[in-house]
């Protein structure tokens, strides 16, 4: 069991922003006739991370992915993909997007589908694409329309990986797979990302599985951003405290209480650390990623936590810099 380390500072120390940003959004918002799907969302996703995008249905996850791929235009704010506007040639060539529907031509064979991917993508890797298909024993001469849901998902994954993207965006890609195949593709995902430095943004309701593959996190709820940053830092910024009764207590005074709970076999009060949890205080344990996510989703009134590494500069400055480059080029 993982225990929280004694905390001797006045607050949790977060790492500063490092390296290139794969996705950077400033004040991004999208309004539909029924209301705002996202509003005033700002964050920075560093390149090379595997990032879980989490939130309840209707929270704005698919809208955010649509904005990053230029399938949806923002109502407010701006977003950049590796410094380029979504929909630009640079962003399109560097991004692969796999939606829940995984659209494929049903009358094409698997081989024809992969050939189409090769003809439209200058960085295409046929070996990787065929390897993913062969691992599932999917015949290359089979028509896509005759495949099972899991087999079609595998072909769609082959197209996405074969493109050799710098940013791979996955919207609930494995909901139709059995646990064994899902775990296998998750392993493929993390291996490919590590070998090639691919940034992955994956939306999923499988919270326990995200803990095994993600090192970065974005949590959205009610159209806003609730948590953002490195998983390691976000977990370390919180603790589960064993406070009798779970009510007001001197031990809780320095901290922000996220949630009080009982009867789950773990200390019952989840707090955002605002001071030391030293020796002689209440027993403290580091929350799992799933415990942290669920607590924030169940506590919409708790202030959001955006780690410094996930914060952005002024996107207006970025846009102005882009225009200057275009003029002087």
Protein backbone atom coordinates (compact mmCIF):
# COMPACT_ATOMS: atom_id res chain seq x y z
CA UNK A 1 0.00 0.00 0.00
CA UNK A 2 1.37 3.40 -1.01
CA UNK A 3 1.64 5.88 1.83
CA UNK A 4 1.86 9.64 1.50
CA UNK A 5 5.25 11.03 2.41
CA UNK A 6 5.45 13.60 5.21
CA UNK A 7 4.90 16.98 3.61
CA UNK A 8 7.16 19.67 5.03
CA UNK A 9 6.53 22.62 2.72
CA UNK A 10 3.68 25.09 2.58
CA UNK A 11 2.35 23.56 -0.63
CA UNK A 12 3.05 20.94 -3.24
CA UNK A 13 5.99 21.68 -5.51
CA UNK A 14 5.14 21.37 -9.22
CA UNK A 15 7.55 21.21 -12.12
CA UNK A 16 7.62 24.20 -14.48
CA UNK A 17 6.64 23.86 -18.16
CA UNK A 18 9.27 21.91 -20.10
CA UNK A 19 9.71 21.36 -23.82
CA UNK A 20 7.44 21.82 -26.81
CA UNK A 21 3.67 21.80 -26.44
CA UNK A 22 1.75 19.34 -28.60
CA UNK A 23 -1.56 21.06 -27.88
CA UNK A 24 -2.00 24.52 -26.40
CA UNK A 25 -5.39 26.15 -25.81
CA UNK A 26 -6.21 29.57 -24.44
CA UNK A 27 -9.76 30.51 -23.48
CA UNK A 28 -11.17 27.95 -25.87
CA UNK A 29 -14.95 27.67 -25.96
CA UNK A 30 -17.66 26.20 -28.13
CA UNK A 31 -21.31 27.16 -27.96
CA UNK A 32 -24.14 25.18 -29.55
CA UNK A 33 -27.82 26.10 -29.72
CA UNK A 34 -28.42 24.20 -26.48
CA UNK A 35 -25.65 26.07 -24.69
CA UNK A 36 -21.91 25.95 -24.03
CA UNK A 37 -20.21 22.56 -24.49
CA UNK A 38 -16.87 24.05 -23.42
CA UNK A 39 -16.14 27.46 -21.97
CA UNK A 40 -12.91 29.30 -21.14
CA UNK A 41 -10.69 26.21 -21.23
CA UNK A 42 -6.94 26.83 -21.17
CA UNK A 43 -4.23 24.19 -20.94
CA UNK A 44 -0.92 22.98 -22.29
CA UNK A 45 -0.20 19.36 -23.22
CA UNK A 46 3.58 18.83 -23.52
CA UNK A 47 4.85 16.79 -26.44
CA UNK A 48 5.65 13.13 -25.85
CA UNK A 49 3.03 12.49 -23.16
CA UNK A 50 0.26 9.92 -23.00
CA UNK A 51 -2.63 12.01 -21.72
CA UNK A 52 -5.96 10.73 -20.43
CA UNK A 53 -8.96 12.93 -21.21
CA UNK A 54 -11.63 12.14 -18.64
CA UNK A 55 -15.12 13.38 -17.88
CA UNK A 56 -18.77 12.31 -17.76
CA UNK A 57 -20.87 12.03 -20.91
CA UNK A 58 -21.62 15.48 -22.30
CA UNK A 59 -18.72 17.09 -20.47
CA UNK A 60 -17.09 18.37 -23.67
CA UNK A 61 -14.45 15.71 -24.35
CA UNK A 62 -15.44 15.04 -27.97
CA UNK A 63 -15.87 18.77 -28.56
CA UNK A 64 -12.32 19.38 -27.36
CA UNK A 65 -10.98 16.68 -29.67
CA UNK A 66 -13.00 18.11 -32.55
CA UNK A 67 -11.49 21.54 -31.92
CA UNK A 68 -7.96 20.08 -31.94
CA UNK A 69 -8.61 18.40 -35.31
CA UNK A 70 -10.48 21.33 -36.92
CA UNK A 71 -13.66 19.28 -37.24
CA UNK A 72 -15.28 21.93 -35.01
CA UNK A 73 -14.52 25.65 -34.97
CA UNK A 74 -14.24 27.47 -31.65
CA UNK A 75 -16.73 30.11 -30.59
CA UNK A 76 -14.11 31.79 -28.40
CA UNK A 77 -10.39 31.47 -27.85
CA UNK A 78 -7.75 29.74 -29.94
CA UNK A 79 -5.92 26.45 -30.04
CA UNK A 80 -2.60 25.36 -31.56
CA UNK A 81 -1.21 21.93 -32.48
CA UNK A 82 2.60 22.00 -32.35
CA UNK A 83 2.30 25.75 -32.79
CA UNK A 84 0.17 25.46 -35.95
CA UNK A 85 -3.52 26.16 -36.43
CA UNK A 86 -5.76 23.07 -36.52
CA UNK A 87 -6.59 22.29 -40.13
CA UNK A 88 -3.31 23.72 -41.43
CA UNK A 89 -1.15 21.44 -43.59
CA UNK A 90 1.42 21.08 -40.81
CA UNK A 91 -1.16 20.16 -38.17
CA UNK A 92 -3.00 17.71 -40.44
CA UNK A 93 0.19 15.88 -41.43
CA UNK A 94 1.26 15.54 -37.79
CA UNK A 95 -2.12 14.45 -36.35
CA UNK A 96 -4.15 11.22 -36.52
CA UNK A 97 -7.68 11.12 -35.10
CA UNK A 98 -9.61 7.95 -34.33
CA UNK A 99 -13.26 8.57 -33.44
CA UNK A 100 -15.69 6.28 -31.63
CA UNK A 101 -17.38 5.45 -34.94
CA UNK A 102 -14.07 4.47 -36.62
CA UNK A 103 -15.33 5.19 -40.16
CA UNK A 104 -13.99 2.74 -42.76
CA UNK A 105 -15.06 1.83 -46.29
CA UNK A 106 -16.99 -1.42 -45.83
CA UNK A 107 -16.48 -2.59 -49.43
CA UNK A 108 -12.71 -2.23 -49.25
CA UNK A 109 -10.55 -5.15 -48.24
CA UNK A 110 -8.16 -4.71 -45.34
CA UNK A 111 -5.24 -4.57 -47.80
CA UNK A 112 -7.01 -1.89 -49.88
CA UNK A 113 -7.69 0.10 -46.71
CA UNK A 114 -4.01 0.06 -45.77
CA UNK A 115 -3.02 0.97 -49.33
CA UNK A 116 -5.34 3.98 -49.12
CA UNK A 117 -3.56 5.01 -45.93
CA UNK A 118 -0.20 4.66 -47.66
CA UNK A 119 -1.24 6.81 -50.63
CA UNK A 120 -2.59 9.67 -48.50
CA UNK A 121 0.13 9.81 -45.82
CA UNK A 122 3.72 10.67 -46.78
CA UNK A 123 5.12 9.27 -43.50
CA UNK A 124 3.24 5.97 -43.80
CA UNK A 125 4.77 2.89 -42.10
CA UNK A 126 3.39 -0.22 -43.79
CA UNK A 127 5.26 -2.59 -41.48
CA UNK A 128 3.67 -1.15 -38.36
CA UNK A 129 0.18 -1.08 -39.89
CA UNK A 130 0.36 -4.68 -41.11
CA UNK A 131 1.84 -5.80 -37.79
CA UNK A 132 -1.20 -4.53 -35.88
CA UNK A 133 -3.56 -6.27 -38.32
CA UNK A 134 -1.63 -9.56 -38.28
CA UNK A 135 -1.50 -9.57 -34.46
CA UNK A 136 -5.28 -9.93 -34.48
CA UNK A 137 -5.22 -12.56 -37.24
CA UNK A 138 -7.31 -10.30 -39.49
CA UNK A 139 -7.08 -11.51 -43.13
CA UNK A 140 -5.78 -8.85 -45.50
CA UNK A 141 -8.17 -10.04 -48.22
CA UNK A 142 -11.28 -9.78 -46.00
CA UNK A 143 -13.72 -6.98 -46.73
CA UNK A 144 -14.05 -4.50 -43.88
CA UNK A 145 -17.84 -4.93 -43.84
CA UNK A 146 -17.47 -8.63 -42.94
CA UNK A 147 -15.23 -8.01 -39.91
CA UNK A 148 -16.32 -8.08 -36.29
CA UNK A 149 -16.40 -4.86 -34.30
CA UNK A 150 -13.10 -5.71 -32.62
CA UNK A 151 -11.44 -6.52 -35.95
CA UNK A 152 -12.60 -3.22 -37.45
CA UNK A 153 -11.20 -1.42 -34.43
CA UNK A 154 -7.85 -3.10 -35.04
CA UNK A 155 -7.85 -2.01 -38.70
CA UNK A 156 -8.68 1.55 -37.63
CA UNK A 157 -5.79 1.44 -35.15
CA UNK A 158 -3.51 0.23 -37.95
CA UNK A 159 -4.48 3.25 -40.05
CA UNK A 160 -3.85 5.63 -37.16
CA UNK A 161 -0.47 4.16 -36.20
CA UNK A 162 0.60 3.66 -39.82
CA UNK A 163 0.32 7.40 -40.42
CA UNK A 164 3.19 7.84 -37.95
CA UNK A 165 1.59 10.89 -36.33
CA UNK A 166 3.27 13.15 -33.81
CA UNK A 167 -0.14 13.56 -32.13
CA UNK A 168 -2.55 10.63 -31.90
CA UNK A 169 -6.05 11.53 -30.71
CA UNK A 170 -8.29 8.63 -29.65
CA UNK A 171 -11.95 9.13 -28.71
CA UNK A 172 -13.16 6.09 -26.71
CA UNK A 173 -11.38 3.83 -29.21
CA UNK A 174 -11.65 0.49 -27.40
CA UNK A 175 -15.13 0.45 -25.89
CA UNK A 176 -16.17 -2.45 -28.15
CA UNK A 177 -13.21 -4.70 -27.32
CA UNK A 178 -12.95 -7.49 -24.80
CA UNK A 179 -10.53 -6.87 -21.90
CA UNK A 180 -7.75 -9.07 -23.29
CA UNK A 181 -7.66 -7.37 -26.71
CA UNK A 182 -8.06 -3.95 -25.07
CA UNK A 183 -5.02 -4.59 -22.87
CA UNK A 184 -3.02 -5.76 -25.90
CA UNK A 185 -3.81 -2.63 -27.89
CA UNK A 186 -3.09 -0.46 -24.84
CA UNK A 187 0.36 -2.06 -24.69
CA UNK A 188 0.85 -1.41 -28.40
CA UNK A 189 -0.21 2.19 -27.86
CA UNK A 190 2.26 2.88 -25.06
CA UNK A 191 5.11 1.00 -26.78
CA UNK A 192 4.69 2.89 -30.05
CA UNK A 193 4.37 6.20 -28.22
CA UNK A 194 7.55 5.57 -26.23
CA UNK A 195 9.58 4.42 -29.24
CA UNK A 196 8.62 7.30 -31.50
CA UNK A 197 7.90 10.11 -29.02
CA UNK A 198 4.26 10.24 -30.09
CA UNK A 199 1.93 12.41 -28.03
CA UNK A 200 -1.31 10.57 -27.28
CA UNK A 201 -4.58 12.16 -26.16
CA UNK A 202 -6.99 9.36 -25.26
CA UNK A 203 -10.55 9.73 -24.02
CA UNK A 204 -11.82 6.77 -22.01
CA UNK A 205 -14.25 5.77 -19.27
CA UNK A 206 -11.93 2.92 -18.24
CA UNK A 207 -10.44 4.84 -15.30
CA UNK A 208 -8.50 1.93 -13.81
CA UNK A 209 -6.84 1.20 -17.16
CA UNK A 210 -5.82 4.81 -17.68
CA UNK A 211 -3.66 4.58 -14.56
CA UNK A 212 -1.47 2.00 -16.32
CA UNK A 213 -0.89 3.97 -19.53
CA UNK A 214 -1.21 7.71 -18.81
CA UNK A 215 1.41 10.04 -17.40
CA UNK A 216 -0.64 13.18 -18.01
CA UNK A 217 -4.24 14.09 -17.28
CA UNK A 218 -7.00 16.44 -18.39
CA UNK A 219 -10.34 16.23 -16.56
CA UNK A 220 -13.36 18.12 -17.86
CA UNK A 221 -16.80 18.47 -16.30
CA UNK A 222 -19.70 20.84 -16.91
CA UNK A 223 -17.82 22.36 -19.84
CA UNK A 224 -14.78 23.38 -17.78
CA UNK A 225 -11.36 22.03 -16.89
CA UNK A 226 -11.16 20.46 -13.40
CA UNK A 227 -7.68 18.89 -13.29
CA UNK A 228 -4.66 19.17 -15.56
CA UNK A 229 -1.05 18.13 -15.23
CA UNK A 230 1.29 15.22 -14.69
CA UNK A 231 -0.39 12.25 -13.01
CA UNK A 232 2.52 11.89 -10.61
CA UNK A 233 2.31 15.52 -9.50
CA UNK A 234 -1.47 15.56 -9.22
CA UNK A 235 -1.49 12.44 -7.04
CA UNK A 236 1.31 13.80 -4.86
CA UNK A 237 -0.67 17.02 -4.34
CA UNK A 238 -3.40 15.02 -2.55
CA UNK A 239 -3.70 12.59 0.31
CA UNK A 240 -6.27 10.29 1.83
CA UNK A 241 -6.38 11.09 5.55
CA UNK A 242 -7.75 8.89 8.30
CA UNK A 243 -9.61 11.53 10.27
CA UNK A 244 -12.17 10.20 12.80
CA UNK A 245 -15.71 10.98 11.72
CA UNK A 246 -14.54 12.69 8.54
CA UNK A 247 -15.90 16.01 9.83
CA UNK A 248 -14.23 19.28 10.87
CA UNK A 249 -10.89 18.57 12.50
CA UNK A 250 -7.68 20.51 13.31
CA UNK A 251 -5.80 18.05 11.08
CA UNK A 252 -7.81 19.25 8.07
CA UNK A 253 -7.36 22.99 8.63
CA UNK A 254 -4.40 23.56 6.24
CA UNK A 255 -5.93 21.47 3.48
CA UNK A 256 -8.77 21.69 0.96
CA UNK A 257 -11.24 18.86 1.53
CA UNK A 258 -12.25 17.31 -1.78
CA UNK A 259 -14.42 14.47 -0.50
CA UNK A 260 -15.30 12.60 2.68
CA UNK A 261 -16.28 8.96 2.42
CA UNK A 262 -16.60 5.88 4.57
CA UNK A 263 -16.68 2.10 4.30
CA UNK A 264 -14.33 1.62 1.34
CA UNK A 265 -11.35 0.17 3.21
CA UNK A 266 -9.20 3.27 2.77
CA UNK A 267 -8.78 6.47 4.80
CA UNK A 268 -11.95 8.45 4.35
CA UNK A 269 -11.03 12.10 3.63
CA UNK A 270 -9.41 13.11 0.35
CA UNK A 271 -7.65 16.47 0.62
CA UNK A 272 -5.60 18.73 -1.58
CA UNK A 273 -2.52 19.32 0.50
CA UNK A 274 -2.02 22.86 1.72
CA UNK A 275 0.57 22.16 4.38
CA UNK A 276 2.54 19.38 6.05
CA UNK A 277 1.19 15.98 6.99
CA UNK A 278 3.89 15.18 9.48
CA UNK A 279 4.66 12.36 11.84
CA UNK A 280 2.12 12.03 14.61
CA UNK A 281 -0.70 13.34 12.41
CA UNK A 282 -3.48 11.31 10.80
CA UNK A 283 -2.57 8.28 8.73
CA UNK A 284 -2.12 9.38 5.11
CA UNK A 285 -2.06 7.49 1.83
CA UNK A 286 -1.57 8.61 -1.76
CA UNK A 287 -4.84 8.31 -3.70
CA UNK A 288 -5.03 6.17 -6.79
CA UNK A 289 -5.71 7.93 -10.06
CA UNK A 290 -9.23 6.49 -10.09
CA UNK A 291 -9.93 7.75 -6.56
CA UNK A 292 -8.69 11.21 -7.51
CA UNK A 293 -10.73 11.39 -10.71
CA UNK A 294 -13.97 10.22 -9.17
CA UNK A 295 -13.63 12.60 -6.23
CA UNK A 296 -13.21 15.65 -8.47
CA UNK A 297 -16.07 14.59 -10.70
CA UNK A 298 -18.31 14.18 -7.64
CA UNK A 299 -17.25 17.54 -6.17
CA UNK A 300 -17.95 20.20 -8.83
CA UNK A 301 -17.70 23.08 -6.34
CA UNK A 302 -14.08 22.34 -5.39
CA UNK A 303 -11.69 24.76 -7.14
CA UNK A 304 -9.94 23.33 -10.19
CA UNK A 305 -6.27 22.38 -10.01
CA UNK A 306 -4.18 23.24 -13.07
CA UNK A 307 -0.52 22.39 -12.48
CA UNK A 308 1.98 25.03 -13.65
CA UNK A 309 3.29 22.68 -16.34
CA UNK A 310 -0.22 22.55 -17.83
CA UNK A 311 -0.73 26.32 -17.86
CA UNK A 312 -0.30 28.40 -20.99
CA UNK A 313 1.02 31.76 -21.91
CA UNK A 314 -1.10 34.26 -23.77
CA UNK A 315 -2.33 32.62 -26.98
CA UNK A 316 -2.77 36.12 -28.46
CA UNK A 317 1.00 36.48 -28.28
CA UNK A 318 1.38 33.15 -30.06
CA UNK A 319 -1.04 34.18 -32.81
CA UNK A 320 0.74 37.52 -33.22
CA UNK A 321 4.08 35.69 -33.50
CA UNK A 322 2.61 33.38 -36.17
CA UNK A 323 1.44 36.40 -38.18
CA UNK A 324 4.88 38.00 -37.90
CA UNK A 325 6.50 34.81 -39.20
CA UNK A 326 4.08 34.69 -42.11
CA UNK A 327 4.84 38.30 -43.06
CA UNK A 328 8.62 37.92 -42.85
CA UNK A 329 8.76 34.49 -44.52
